[in-house]
Amino acid sequence: GWAFAGWGTTLYWWAGILYVVQVRRLVKADAVAD
């Protein structure tokens, strides 16, 4: 139970971090294009 919860939380945070990184890259690319 706890191992599953730990993995789920880790994957959730990792996905969130990657999402934020991708969004920031797109925003930076947009700013440079302008």
C-alpha atoms as a PDB file:
ATOM      1  CA  GLY A   1       0.000   0.000   0.000  1.00  0.00           C
ATOM      2  CA  TRP A   2       2.595   2.536   1.072  1.00  0.00           C
ATOM      3  CA  ALA A   3       4.990   1.623  -1.736  1.00  0.00           C
ATOM      4  CA  PHE A   4       2.215   2.152  -4.279  1.00  0.00           C
ATOM      5  CA  ALA A   5       1.247   5.477  -2.698  1.00  0.00           C
ATOM      6  CA  GLY A   6       4.885   6.599  -2.737  1.00  0.00           C
ATOM      7  CA  TRP A   7       5.329   5.716  -6.403  1.00  0.00           C
ATOM      8  CA  GLY A   8       2.047   7.376  -7.323  1.00  0.00           C
ATOM      9  CA  THR A   9       3.020  10.583  -5.552  1.00  0.00           C
ATOM     10  CA  THR A  10       6.494  10.586  -7.130  1.00  0.00           C
ATOM     11  CA  LEU A  11       5.118  10.053 -10.635  1.00  0.00           C
ATOM     12  CA  TYR A  12       2.488  12.740 -10.035  1.00  0.00           C
ATOM     13  CA  TRP A  13       5.093  15.323  -9.009  1.00  0.00           C
ATOM     14  CA  TRP A  14       7.482  14.287 -11.814  1.00  0.00           C
ATOM     15  CA  ALA A  15       4.727  14.692 -14.421  1.00  0.00           C
ATOM     16  CA  GLY A  16       3.852  18.107 -12.982  1.00  0.00           C
ATOM     17  CA  ILE A  17       7.470  19.275 -13.075  1.00  0.00           C
ATOM     18  CA  LEU A  18       7.937  18.114 -16.674  1.00  0.00           C
ATOM     19  CA  TYR A  19       4.685  19.868 -17.632  1.00  0.00           C
ATOM     20  CA  VAL A  20       5.863  23.153 -16.122  1.00  0.00           C
ATOM     21  CA  VAL A  21       9.238  22.848 -17.875  1.00  0.00           C
ATOM     22  CA  GLN A  22       7.552  22.310 -21.247  1.00  0.00           C
ATOM     23  CA  VAL A  23       5.201  25.273 -20.731  1.00  0.00           C
ATOM     24  CA  ARG A  24       8.103  27.561 -19.773  1.00  0.00           C
ATOM     25  CA  ARG A  25      10.015  26.468 -22.892  1.00  0.00           C
ATOM     26  CA  LEU A  26       7.019  27.291 -25.091  1.00  0.00           C
ATOM     27  CA  VAL A  27       6.564  30.671 -23.404  1.00  0.00           C
ATOM     28  CA  LYS A  28      10.266  31.481 -23.860  1.00  0.00           C
ATOM     29  CA  ALA A  29      10.122  30.454 -27.530  1.00  0.00           C
ATOM     30  CA  ASP A  30       7.073  32.679 -28.001  1.00  0.00           C
ATOM     31  CA  ALA A  31       8.806  35.630 -26.351  1.00  0.00           C
ATOM     32  CA  VAL A  32      11.873  35.213 -28.582  1.00  0.00           C
ATOM     33  CA  ALA A  33       9.679  34.952 -31.693  1.00  0.00           C
ATOM     34  CA  ASP A  34       8.110  38.294 -30.862  1.00  0.00           C
END
